[in-house]
């Protein structure tokens, strides 16, 4: 699965999300845990970020798949 991002232990497919900061912002965090990136850049808009992410959550992804997708894709 391309374009996957992990935030607080959940997996998101952001391949169709148009980030206001441009595609580089998403590329830097693709296929990795991006908790720290989100916290550092979106300090005052955490609720808004969570609402946006909820639309892209990959449901039913097992913890094994999450680890594989972050390490091997």
Protein backbone atom coordinates (compact mmCIF):
# COMPACT_ATOMS: atom_id res chain seq x y z
CA UNK A 1 0.00 0.00 0.00
CA UNK A 2 1.65 3.23 -1.09
CA UNK A 3 1.17 6.45 0.79
CA UNK A 4 0.67 4.92 4.20
CA UNK A 5 1.39 6.92 7.33
CA UNK A 6 1.22 5.89 10.96
CA UNK A 7 -0.05 8.26 13.62
CA UNK A 8 -0.47 7.13 17.23
CA UNK A 9 -0.52 3.47 16.26
CA UNK A 10 -3.14 3.82 13.52
CA UNK A 11 -2.51 3.46 9.81
CA UNK A 12 -3.70 6.03 7.26
CA UNK A 13 -3.66 5.97 3.47
CA UNK A 14 -3.02 9.59 2.52
CA UNK A 15 -2.27 8.92 -1.15
CA UNK A 16 -5.35 10.95 -2.20
CA UNK A 17 -5.03 13.70 0.40
CA UNK A 18 -3.95 17.12 -0.89
CA UNK A 19 -1.82 18.58 1.91
CA UNK A 20 -2.01 22.39 2.08
CA UNK A 21 1.77 22.46 2.56
CA UNK A 22 2.27 20.58 -0.68
CA UNK A 23 3.25 17.02 -1.57
CA UNK A 24 6.70 17.24 0.01
CA UNK A 25 5.16 17.35 3.49
CA UNK A 26 3.49 13.98 2.91
CA UNK A 27 6.49 12.46 1.14
CA UNK A 28 8.73 13.17 4.13
CA UNK A 29 6.43 11.16 6.39
CA UNK A 30 5.34 8.40 3.98
CA UNK A 31 5.68 4.81 5.24
CA UNK A 32 6.79 5.82 8.71
CA UNK A 33 5.56 6.87 12.11
CA UNK A 34 4.84 10.59 11.84
CA UNK A 35 3.66 11.41 15.37
CA UNK A 36 6.53 13.80 16.01
CA UNK A 37 6.15 15.57 12.66
CA UNK A 38 2.46 16.19 13.24
CA UNK A 39 2.98 17.39 16.79
CA UNK A 40 5.74 19.77 15.78
CA UNK A 41 3.95 21.31 12.79
CA UNK A 42 0.34 21.17 13.97
CA UNK A 43 0.69 22.08 17.64
CA UNK A 44 -2.43 24.25 17.83
CA UNK A 45 -4.66 22.35 15.41
CA UNK A 46 -4.59 18.79 16.74
CA UNK A 47 -8.38 18.37 16.70
CA UNK A 48 -8.58 19.51 13.08
CA UNK A 49 -5.78 17.10 12.12
CA UNK A 50 -7.53 14.21 13.86
CA UNK A 51 -10.78 14.98 12.02
CA UNK A 52 -8.98 14.98 8.66
CA UNK A 53 -7.05 11.80 9.43
CA UNK A 54 -10.24 9.95 10.42
CA UNK A 55 -11.37 10.13 6.79
CA UNK A 56 -8.26 8.25 5.65
CA UNK A 57 -7.88 5.62 8.37
CA UNK A 58 -7.15 2.10 7.15
CA UNK A 59 -9.53 0.03 9.24
CA UNK A 60 -8.83 -3.57 10.07
CA UNK A 61 -5.06 -3.23 9.68
CA UNK A 62 -3.37 -5.60 12.09
CA UNK A 63 -0.40 -4.55 14.20
CA UNK A 64 1.78 -6.94 12.15
CA UNK A 65 0.73 -5.24 8.92
CA UNK A 66 1.39 -1.84 10.48
CA UNK A 67 4.92 -2.86 11.43
CA UNK A 68 5.52 -4.39 7.99
CA UNK A 69 4.20 -1.37 6.12
CA UNK A 70 6.38 1.02 8.10
CA UNK A 71 9.52 -1.08 7.85
CA UNK A 72 9.34 -2.68 4.44
CA UNK A 73 7.39 -0.50 2.01
